[in-house]
C-alpha atoms as a PDB file:
ATOM      1  CA  MET A   1       8.055  -2.056  23.583  1.00  0.00           C
ATOM      2  CA  CYS A   2       4.282  -1.762  23.828  1.00  0.00           C
ATOM      3  CA  VAL A   3       2.625  -4.306  21.520  1.00  0.00           C
ATOM      4  CA  LEU A   4      -1.035  -5.086  20.902  1.00  0.00           C
ATOM      5  CA  TYR A   5      -2.007  -8.045  18.783  1.00  0.00           C
ATOM      6  CA  PHE A   6      -4.623 -10.511  17.724  1.00  0.00           C
ATOM      7  CA  SER A   7      -3.588 -14.110  18.213  1.00  0.00           C
ATOM      8  CA  SER A   8      -3.652 -16.348  15.178  1.00  0.00           C
ATOM      9  CA  ALA A   9      -6.536 -18.340  16.646  1.00  0.00           C
ATOM     10  CA  GLU A  10      -8.649 -15.198  17.092  1.00  0.00           C
ATOM     11  CA  PHE A  11      -7.939 -13.932  13.607  1.00  0.00           C
ATOM     12  CA  PHE A  12      -8.544 -17.136  11.708  1.00  0.00           C
ATOM     13  CA  LYS A  13     -11.617 -17.983  13.787  1.00  0.00           C
ATOM     14  CA  LEU A  14     -12.984 -14.544  12.971  1.00  0.00           C
ATOM     15  CA  HIS A  15     -12.436 -14.953   9.247  1.00  0.00           C
ATOM     16  CA  LYS A  16     -13.107 -18.692   8.999  1.00  0.00           C
ATOM     17  CA  VAL A  17      -9.927 -19.423   7.029  1.00  0.00           C
ATOM     18  CA  GLU A  18      -7.080 -21.820   7.683  1.00  0.00           C
ATOM     19  CA  PRO A  19      -3.585 -20.407   8.197  1.00  0.00           C
ATOM     20  CA  ARG A  20      -1.289 -21.219   5.280  1.00  0.00           C
ATOM     21  CA  THR A  21       2.363 -20.718   4.399  1.00  0.00           C
ATOM     22  CA  PHE A  22       2.932 -18.047   1.751  1.00  0.00           C
ATOM     23  CA  GLU A  23       6.330 -17.783   0.104  1.00  0.00           C
ATOM     24  CA  TYR A  24       7.512 -14.271  -0.778  1.00  0.00           C
ATOM     25  CA  GLY A  25      10.804 -15.071  -2.409  1.00  0.00           C
ATOM     26  CA  ALA A  26      12.568 -17.180   0.205  1.00  0.00           C
ATOM     27  CA  CYS A  27      10.598 -15.799   3.167  1.00  0.00           C
ATOM     28  CA  LYS A  28       7.141 -15.950   4.641  1.00  0.00           C
ATOM     29  CA  VAL A  29       5.167 -12.746   4.221  1.00  0.00           C
ATOM     30  CA  ILE A  30       5.374 -10.098   6.906  1.00  0.00           C
ATOM     31  CA  LEU A  31       3.505  -6.955   5.870  1.00  0.00           C
ATOM     32  CA  LEU A  32       4.773  -3.672   7.291  1.00  0.00           C
ATOM     33  CA  VAL A  33       1.954  -1.126   7.497  1.00  0.00           C
ATOM     34  CA  ILE A  34       2.765   2.569   7.909  1.00  0.00           C
ATOM     35  CA  SER A  35       0.920   5.853   7.591  1.00  0.00           C
ATOM     36  CA  ASP A  36       1.458   9.597   8.018  1.00  0.00           C
ATOM     37  CA  VAL A  37       5.166   9.908   7.239  1.00  0.00           C
ATOM     38  CA  HIS A  38       4.895  13.707   6.902  1.00  0.00           C
ATOM     39  CA  GLY A  39       8.322  14.262   5.366  1.00  0.00           C
ATOM     40  CA  ASN A  40      10.129  12.702   8.343  1.00  0.00           C
ATOM     41  CA  TYR A  41      12.708  10.673   6.452  1.00  0.00           C
ATOM     42  CA  HIS A  42      14.759   9.653   9.482  1.00  0.00           C
ATOM     43  CA  ALA A  43      11.731   8.012  11.075  1.00  0.00           C
ATOM     44  CA  LEU A  44      10.771   6.298   7.814  1.00  0.00           C
ATOM     45  CA  ASP A  45      14.312   5.141   7.083  1.00  0.00           C
ATOM     46  CA  SER A  46      14.800   3.765  10.599  1.00  0.00           C
ATOM     47  CA  VAL A  47      11.622   1.703  10.429  1.00  0.00           C
ATOM     48  CA  MET A  48      12.337   0.420   6.930  1.00  0.00           C
ATOM     49  CA  LYS A  49      15.871  -0.622   7.897  1.00  0.00           C
ATOM     50  CA  LYS A  50      15.300  -2.024  11.380  1.00  0.00           C
ATOM     51  CA  VAL A  51      11.968  -3.837  11.003  1.00  0.00           C
ATOM     52  CA  LYS A  52      11.946  -7.205   9.279  1.00  0.00           C
ATOM     53  CA  TYR A  53       9.298  -7.306   6.562  1.00  0.00           C
ATOM     54  CA  ASP A  54       8.616  -8.677   3.085  1.00  0.00           C
ATOM     55  CA  ALA A  55       5.995  -6.256   1.753  1.00  0.00           C
ATOM     56  CA  LEU A  56       5.225  -2.620   2.552  1.00  0.00           C
ATOM     57  CA  ALA A  57       1.926  -0.731   2.624  1.00  0.00           C
ATOM     58  CA  CYS A  58       1.583   3.021   3.204  1.00  0.00           C
ATOM     59  CA  CYS A  59      -1.740   4.657   4.053  1.00  0.00           C
ATOM     60  CA  GLY A  60      -0.947   8.178   2.856  1.00  0.00           C
ATOM     61  CA  ASP A  61       0.356  11.556   4.001  1.00  0.00           C
ATOM     62  CA  ILE A  62       3.907  11.088   2.783  1.00  0.00           C
ATOM     63  CA  VAL A  63       4.634  14.812   2.908  1.00  0.00           C
ATOM     64  CA  VAL A  64       4.200  18.098   4.875  1.00  0.00           C
ATOM     65  CA  ASP A  65       5.418  19.057   8.372  1.00  0.00           C
ATOM     66  CA  TYR A  66       9.038  17.856   8.139  1.00  0.00           C
ATOM     67  CA  PRO A  67      11.918  18.854   5.839  1.00  0.00           C
ATOM     68  CA  PHE A  68      12.631  15.711   3.812  1.00  0.00           C
ATOM     69  CA  PRO A  69       9.576  15.153   1.553  1.00  0.00           C
ATOM     70  CA  GLN A  70      11.645  14.430  -1.547  1.00  0.00           C
ATOM     71  CA  GLN A  71      13.609  11.702   0.221  1.00  0.00           C
ATOM     72  CA  CYS A  72      10.416  10.131   1.605  1.00  0.00           C
ATOM     73  CA  ILE A  73       8.778  10.080  -1.815  1.00  0.00           C
ATOM     74  CA  ARG A  74      11.867   8.513  -3.369  1.00  0.00           C
ATOM     75  CA  ALA A  75      12.087   5.817  -0.688  1.00  0.00           C
ATOM     76  CA  LEU A  76       8.423   4.818  -0.996  1.00  0.00           C
ATOM     77  CA  LYS A  77       8.306   5.091  -4.769  1.00  0.00           C
ATOM     78  CA  ASP A  78      11.118   2.554  -4.993  1.00  0.00           C
ATOM     79  CA  SER A  79       9.907   0.086  -2.395  1.00  0.00           C
ATOM     80  CA  CYS A  80       6.203   0.416  -1.553  1.00  0.00           C
ATOM     81  CA  ALA A  81       3.884  -1.821  -3.565  1.00  0.00           C
ATOM     82  CA  HIS A  82       0.670  -0.767  -1.819  1.00  0.00           C
ATOM     83  CA  ILE A  83       0.017   2.929  -1.242  1.00  0.00           C
ATOM     84  CA  CYS A  84      -2.754   5.529  -1.269  1.00  0.00           C
ATOM     85  CA  SER A  85      -3.034   9.302  -1.030  1.00  0.00           C
ATOM     86  CA  GLY A  86      -3.513  11.358   2.117  1.00  0.00           C
ATOM     87  CA  ASN A  87      -4.965  14.832   2.572  1.00  0.00           C
ATOM     88  CA  ASN A  88      -1.528  16.476   2.713  1.00  0.00           C
ATOM     89  CA  ASP A  89      -0.381  14.625  -0.394  1.00  0.00           C
ATOM     90  CA  TYR A  90      -3.453  15.976  -2.155  1.00  0.00           C
ATOM     91  CA  ASN A  91      -2.852  19.525  -0.904  1.00  0.00           C
ATOM     92  CA  VAL A  92       0.697  19.546  -2.232  1.00  0.00           C
ATOM     93  CA  ALA A  93      -0.204  17.842  -5.504  1.00  0.00           C
ATOM     94  CA  TYR A  94      -3.000  20.302  -6.301  1.00  0.00           C
ATOM     95  CA  ASP A  95      -1.830  23.474  -4.514  1.00  0.00           C
ATOM     96  CA  GLN A  96      -4.578  23.394  -1.898  1.00  0.00           C
ATOM     97  CA  LYS A  97      -4.530  24.980   1.555  1.00  0.00           C
ATOM     98  CA  ALA A  98      -5.111  23.003   4.744  1.00  0.00           C
ATOM     99  CA  SER A  99      -6.682  26.076   6.347  1.00  0.00           C
ATOM    100  CA  ASP A 100      -9.651  25.779   3.987  1.00  0.00           C
ATOM    101  CA  TYR A 101     -10.958  22.731   5.843  1.00  0.00           C
ATOM    102  CA  ILE A 102      -9.118  22.604   9.165  1.00  0.00           C
ATOM    103  CA  SER A 103     -11.111  21.521  12.209  1.00  0.00           C
ATOM    104  CA  GLN A 104     -11.764  23.903  15.084  1.00  0.00           C
ATOM    105  CA  LYS A 105      -9.421  21.863  17.265  1.00  0.00           C
ATOM    106  CA  TYR A 106      -6.447  22.898  15.131  1.00  0.00           C
ATOM    107  CA  ALA A 107      -7.642  26.347  14.033  1.00  0.00           C
ATOM    108  CA  HIS A 108      -4.763  27.969  15.966  1.00  0.00           C
ATOM    109  CA  LEU A 109      -2.346  26.163  13.625  1.00  0.00           C
ATOM    110  CA  ALA A 110      -4.030  27.138  10.353  1.00  0.00           C
ATOM    111  CA  LYS A 111      -1.398  29.593   9.120  1.00  0.00           C
ATOM    112  CA  ASP A 112       1.425  27.295  10.175  1.00  0.00           C
ATOM    113  CA  LEU A 113      -0.125  24.348   8.336  1.00  0.00           C
ATOM    114  CA  ASP A 114      -0.307  26.423   5.160  1.00  0.00           C
ATOM    115  CA  ARG A 115       3.303  27.496   5.698  1.00  0.00           C
ATOM    116  CA  ASN A 116       4.388  23.853   5.926  1.00  0.00           C
ATOM    117  CA  THR A 117       2.557  23.045   2.699  1.00  0.00           C
ATOM    118  CA  ASP A 118       4.339  25.928   0.951  1.00  0.00           C
ATOM    119  CA  LEU A 119       7.706  24.792   2.309  1.00  0.00           C
ATOM    120  CA  THR A 120       7.062  21.275   1.050  1.00  0.00           C
ATOM    121  CA  LEU A 121       6.333  22.614  -2.430  1.00  0.00           C
ATOM    122  CA  GLU A 122       9.699  24.364  -2.352  1.00  0.00           C
ATOM    123  CA  LEU A 123      11.496  21.168  -1.352  1.00  0.00           C
ATOM    124  CA  ILE A 124      10.150  18.772  -3.994  1.00  0.00           C
ATOM    125  CA  GLY A 125      10.634  18.591  -7.739  1.00  0.00           C
ATOM    126  CA  ASP A 126       8.087  18.239 -10.526  1.00  0.00           C
ATOM    127  CA  ASP A 127       8.521  14.458 -10.677  1.00  0.00           C
ATOM    128  CA  ALA A 128       7.695  14.143  -6.987  1.00  0.00           C
ATOM    129  CA  LYS A 129       4.650  16.373  -7.350  1.00  0.00           C
ATOM    130  CA  ASN A 130       3.442  14.303 -10.296  1.00  0.00           C
ATOM    131  CA  TYR A 131       3.938  11.149  -8.228  1.00  0.00           C
ATOM    132  CA  LEU A 132       1.670  12.574  -5.531  1.00  0.00           C
ATOM    133  CA  ARG A 133      -0.945  13.364  -8.172  1.00  0.00           C
ATOM    134  CA  GLU A 134      -0.913   9.776  -9.358  1.00  0.00           C
ATOM    135  CA  LEU A 135      -1.501   8.259  -5.921  1.00  0.00           C
ATOM    136  CA  PRO A 136      -4.879   6.457  -5.732  1.00  0.00           C
ATOM    137  CA  ARG A 137      -7.503   7.449  -3.192  1.00  0.00           C
ATOM    138  CA  GLU A 138      -7.793   3.820  -2.055  1.00  0.00           C
ATOM    139  CA  CYS A 139      -5.856   0.605  -2.440  1.00  0.00           C
ATOM    140  CA  ARG A 140      -6.931  -3.046  -2.477  1.00  0.00           C
ATOM    141  CA  PHE A 141      -4.677  -6.098  -2.410  1.00  0.00           C
ATOM    142  CA  VAL A 142      -4.567  -9.739  -1.312  1.00  0.00           C
ATOM    143  CA  LEU A 143      -1.792 -11.540   0.554  1.00  0.00           C
ATOM    144  CA  ASP A 144      -2.025 -15.268   1.278  1.00  0.00           C
ATOM    145  CA  GLY A 145      -5.786 -15.271   0.826  1.00  0.00           C
ATOM    146  CA  VAL A 146      -6.317 -12.347   3.213  1.00  0.00           C
ATOM    147  CA  SER A 147      -7.875  -9.327   1.502  1.00  0.00           C
ATOM    148  CA  PHE A 148      -6.893  -5.765   2.442  1.00  0.00           C
ATOM    149  CA  TYR A 149      -8.589  -2.416   1.842  1.00  0.00           C
ATOM    150  CA  MET A 150      -6.620   0.759   2.525  1.00  0.00           C
ATOM    151  CA  ASN A 151      -7.877   4.350   2.626  1.00  0.00           C
ATOM    152  CA  HIS A 152      -6.367   7.339   4.474  1.00  0.00           C
ATOM    153  CA  THR A 153      -9.779   7.983   6.018  1.00  0.00           C
ATOM    154  CA  VAL A 154     -13.095   6.355   5.010  1.00  0.00           C
ATOM    155  CA  PRO A 155     -14.741   5.777   1.619  1.00  0.00           C
ATOM    156  CA  HIS A 156     -16.984   8.472   0.110  1.00  0.00           C
ATOM    157  CA  LEU A 157     -15.940  11.156   2.614  1.00  0.00           C
ATOM    158  CA  PRO A 158     -13.301  13.905   2.301  1.00  0.00           C
ATOM    159  CA  LEU A 159      -9.657  12.996   2.925  1.00  0.00           C
ATOM    160  CA  HIS A 160      -9.567  15.201   6.017  1.00  0.00           C
ATOM    161  CA  HIS A 161     -12.387  13.299   7.783  1.00  0.00           C
ATOM    162  CA  TYR A 162     -11.265  11.825  11.119  1.00  0.00           C
ATOM    163  CA  LEU A 163     -12.184   8.252  12.010  1.00  0.00           C
ATOM    164  CA  ASP A 164     -11.879   8.298  15.789  1.00  0.00           C
ATOM    165  CA  LYS A 165     -10.793   5.094  17.515  1.00  0.00           C
ATOM    166  CA  ASN A 166     -13.936   5.312  19.680  1.00  0.00           C
ATOM    167  CA  THR A 167     -16.253   5.225  16.657  1.00  0.00           C
ATOM    168  CA  PRO A 168     -18.988   2.675  17.497  1.00  0.00           C
ATOM    169  CA  PRO A 169     -19.142  -0.585  15.491  1.00  0.00           C
ATOM    170  CA  SER A 170     -22.538   0.335  14.023  1.00  0.00           C
ATOM    171  CA  GLU A 171     -21.058   3.497  12.504  1.00  0.00           C
ATOM    172  CA  LEU A 172     -18.022   1.609  11.219  1.00  0.00           C
ATOM    173  CA  ALA A 173     -20.320  -0.916   9.563  1.00  0.00           C
ATOM    174  CA  GLU A 174     -22.096   1.947   7.803  1.00  0.00           C
ATOM    175  CA  TYR A 175     -18.844   3.500   6.590  1.00  0.00           C
ATOM    176  CA  TYR A 176     -17.554   0.217   5.211  1.00  0.00           C
ATOM    177  CA  GLN A 177     -20.774  -1.487   4.149  1.00  0.00           C
ATOM    178  CA  ASP A 178     -19.633  -1.730   0.506  1.00  0.00           C
ATOM    179  CA  ILE A 179     -16.084  -2.806   1.321  1.00  0.00           C
ATOM    180  CA  HIS A 180     -15.370  -6.514   0.971  1.00  0.00           C
ATOM    181  CA  ALA A 181     -12.112  -7.089   2.805  1.00  0.00           C
ATOM    182  CA  ASP A 182     -10.797  -8.994   5.800  1.00  0.00           C
ATOM    183  CA  VAL A 183      -8.501  -6.228   7.004  1.00  0.00           C
ATOM    184  CA  ILE A 184      -9.170  -2.492   6.615  1.00  0.00           C
ATOM    185  CA  VAL A 185      -6.280  -0.074   7.047  1.00  0.00           C
ATOM    186  CA  THR A 186      -6.869   3.593   7.844  1.00  0.00           C
ATOM    187  CA  GLY A 187      -4.694   6.501   8.967  1.00  0.00           C
ATOM    188  CA  HIS A 188      -4.949  10.290   9.388  1.00  0.00           C
ATOM    189  CA  THR A 189      -5.604  10.400  13.145  1.00  0.00           C
ATOM    190  CA  HIS A 190      -1.987   9.593  14.117  1.00  0.00           C
ATOM    191  CA  MET A 191      -3.471   7.358  16.830  1.00  0.00           C
ATOM    192  CA  PRO A 192      -2.703   3.613  16.606  1.00  0.00           C
ATOM    193  CA  TYR A 193      -5.465   1.105  17.291  1.00  0.00           C
ATOM    194  CA  ILE A 194      -6.892  -2.265  16.274  1.00  0.00           C
ATOM    195  CA  LYS A 195     -10.625  -2.955  16.361  1.00  0.00           C
ATOM    196  CA  ASN A 196     -12.975  -5.792  15.487  1.00  0.00           C
ATOM    197  CA  PHE A 197     -16.331  -5.011  13.928  1.00  0.00           C
ATOM    198  CA  ARG A 198     -18.590  -7.573  12.366  1.00  0.00           C
ATOM    199  CA  ASP A 199     -16.362  -9.852  10.257  1.00  0.00           C
ATOM    200  CA  LYS A 200     -13.594  -7.267   9.734  1.00  0.00           C
ATOM    201  CA  VAL A 201     -10.472  -6.038  11.461  1.00  0.00           C
ATOM    202  CA  LEU A 202      -9.779  -2.284  11.382  1.00  0.00           C
ATOM    203  CA  VAL A 203      -6.145  -1.235  11.800  1.00  0.00           C
ATOM    204  CA  ASN A 204      -4.712   2.238  12.220  1.00  0.00           C
ATOM    205  CA  PRO A 205      -0.904   1.948  12.444  1.00  0.00           C
ATOM    206  CA  GLY A 206      -0.557   5.454  13.890  1.00  0.00           C
ATOM    207  CA  SER A 207       2.008   7.847  12.435  1.00  0.00           C
ATOM    208  CA  VAL A 208       5.517   6.784  11.518  1.00  0.00           C
ATOM    209  CA  GLY A 209       6.652  10.406  11.245  1.00  0.00           C
ATOM    210  CA  GLN A 210       4.540  12.522  13.613  1.00  0.00           C
ATOM    211  CA  SER A 211       3.022  10.658  16.549  1.00  0.00           C
ATOM    212  CA  ARG A 212       0.266  12.491  18.406  1.00  0.00           C
ATOM    213  CA  ASP A 213      -0.566  10.106  21.234  1.00  0.00           C
ATOM    214  CA  GLY A 214       2.105  11.342  23.626  1.00  0.00           C
ATOM    215  CA  ASP A 215       4.766   8.862  22.506  1.00  0.00           C
ATOM    216  CA  PRO A 216       7.217  10.524  20.063  1.00  0.00           C
ATOM    217  CA  ARG A 217       8.588   7.237  18.736  1.00  0.00           C
ATOM    218  CA  ALA A 218       7.711   6.074  15.224  1.00  0.00           C
ATOM    219  CA  SER A 219       4.467   4.085  15.170  1.00  0.00           C
ATOM    220  CA  PHE A 220       3.644   1.266  12.739  1.00  0.00           C
ATOM    221  CA  ALA A 221       1.951  -2.118  12.436  1.00  0.00           C
ATOM    222  CA  THR A 222       3.054  -5.517  11.202  1.00  0.00           C
ATOM    223  CA  PHE A 223       0.848  -8.311   9.914  1.00  0.00           C
ATOM    224  CA  ASP A 224       1.970 -11.926   9.655  1.00  0.00           C
ATOM    225  CA  THR A 225      -0.142 -13.694   7.032  1.00  0.00           C
ATOM    226  CA  THR A 226       0.902 -17.097   8.349  1.00  0.00           C
ATOM    227  CA  THR A 227      -0.123 -16.646  11.974  1.00  0.00           C
ATOM    228  CA  GLY A 228      -2.713 -13.901  11.462  1.00  0.00           C
ATOM    229  CA  ARG A 229      -1.052 -11.781  14.138  1.00  0.00           C
ATOM    230  CA  ILE A 230      -1.332  -7.995  13.885  1.00  0.00           C
ATOM    231  CA  GLU A 231       1.011  -5.999  16.105  1.00  0.00           C
ATOM    232  CA  LEU A 232       1.206  -2.283  16.846  1.00  0.00           C
ATOM    233  CA  GLU A 233       4.829  -1.367  17.464  1.00  0.00           C
ATOM    234  CA  ARG A 234       7.065   1.623  18.237  1.00  0.00           C
ATOM    235  CA  LEU A 235      10.639   2.460  17.317  1.00  0.00           C
ATOM    236  CA  GLU A 236      12.916   5.159  18.685  1.00  0.00           C
ATOM    237  CA  TYR A 237      14.992   7.045  16.110  1.00  0.00           C
ATOM    238  CA  ASP A 238      17.487   9.910  15.988  1.00  0.00           C
ATOM    239  CA  ILE A 239      15.788  13.304  15.585  1.00  0.00           C
ATOM    240  CA  THR A 240      18.988  15.397  15.611  1.00  0.00           C
ATOM    241  CA  GLU A 241      19.274  16.178  11.902  1.00  0.00           C
ATOM    242  CA  THR A 242      15.536  16.670  11.475  1.00  0.00           C
ATOM    243  CA  SER A 243      15.522  19.152  14.361  1.00  0.00           C
ATOM    244  CA  GLU A 244      18.440  21.066  12.864  1.00  0.00           C
ATOM    245  CA  TYR A 245      16.803  21.351   9.454  1.00  0.00           C
ATOM    246  CA  LEU A 246      13.486  22.441  10.922  1.00  0.00           C
ATOM    247  CA  LYS A 247      15.287  25.379  12.502  1.00  0.00           C
ATOM    248  CA  LYS A 248      17.511  26.051   9.486  1.00  0.00           C
ATOM    249  CA  LEU A 249      14.575  26.191   7.059  1.00  0.00           C
ATOM    250  CA  ASN A 250      12.371  28.123   9.491  1.00  0.00           C
ATOM    251  CA  PHE A 251       9.600  25.552   9.752  1.00  0.00           C
ATOM    252  CA  PRO A 252       6.725  26.497  12.071  1.00  0.00           C
ATOM    253  CA  ALA A 253       7.476  25.755  15.714  1.00  0.00           C
ATOM    254  CA  TYR A 254       4.750  23.125  16.091  1.00  0.00           C
ATOM    255  CA  SER A 255       6.699  20.691  13.875  1.00  0.00           C
ATOM    256  CA  LEU A 256       9.638  20.566  16.273  1.00  0.00           C
ATOM    257  CA  PHE A 257       7.325  20.584  19.304  1.00  0.00           C
ATOM    258  CA  CYS A 258       5.475  17.512  18.044  1.00  0.00           C
ATOM    259  CA  LEU A 259       8.707  15.776  16.998  1.00  0.00           C
ATOM    260  CA  LYS A 260      10.025  16.035  20.557  1.00  0.00           C
ATOM    261  CA  ASN A 261       6.808  15.531  22.520  1.00  0.00           C
ATOM    262  CA  GLY A 262       4.602  13.261  20.441  1.00  0.00           C
ATOM    263  CA  PHE A 263       1.573  15.541  20.425  1.00  0.00           C
ATOM    264  CA  LEU A 264       0.464  18.837  18.876  1.00  0.00           C
ATOM    265  CA  PRO A 265       0.354  22.035  20.955  1.00  0.00           C
ATOM    266  CA  GLU A 266      -3.130  22.935  22.101  1.00  0.00           C
ATOM    267  CA  ARG A 267      -2.404  26.669  22.055  1.00  0.00           C
ATOM    268  CA  ALA A 268      -0.463  28.873  19.664  1.00  0.00           C
ATOM    269  CA  ASN A 269       1.951  30.006  22.385  1.00  0.00           C
ATOM    270  CA  GLU A 270       2.613  26.510  23.742  1.00  0.00           C
ATOM    271  CA  CYS A 271       5.560  25.915  21.399  1.00  0.00           C
END
């Protein structure tokens, strides 16, 4: 398993706080951070069942691209205390089309993206759609004296804006100049990374349901409030049933391609 992390000494030196024990019921707090589920319930369920954690945070995009949006919404609604909306959640909630703002890089997938949004609308009920409408754009919370800010992309910019992992620290500081938090969580790019800038730590847990960095396993992060360690982790899961339903429901070919390969096709005929 490939793991990146900040040691406790690095984290607490950076934030000038002393590590403390925080009791969450009978356990110390381990925060599981996920993003970009995209209707892939088997990936979500595997991570939630196999990873040890005490609290769960989700950085948006619960739905679209895979055939189990209702199940994903139900699972997170019942268990996720910290959550925010993603661009696909917004599209489904308000009947918007992804093709209206898609980047040139993915222009060849525009019609397929709209098809996946339509399929998602057919697979969820009114209660689920209302739940997506109620999701906040951003989320703030504190665990064991460590403050968190979570936003699918960056404040004050559209939900489909990409925050590349190579964004320079000066630009990050500008994006987050009004955000007072120790740890900032972002998503949307489906690319996991951890970065230091100024007195903050920026974490993108990657995508639990649709990895795009060439590794098809579910991607997520864990944060230990006692040690200050942040780890990026991967988990293999069974894609058999998801693959079958993608074919059965006639989902666009790129969904299955990405499920198997861990990246999106660069050309329309690559699937």
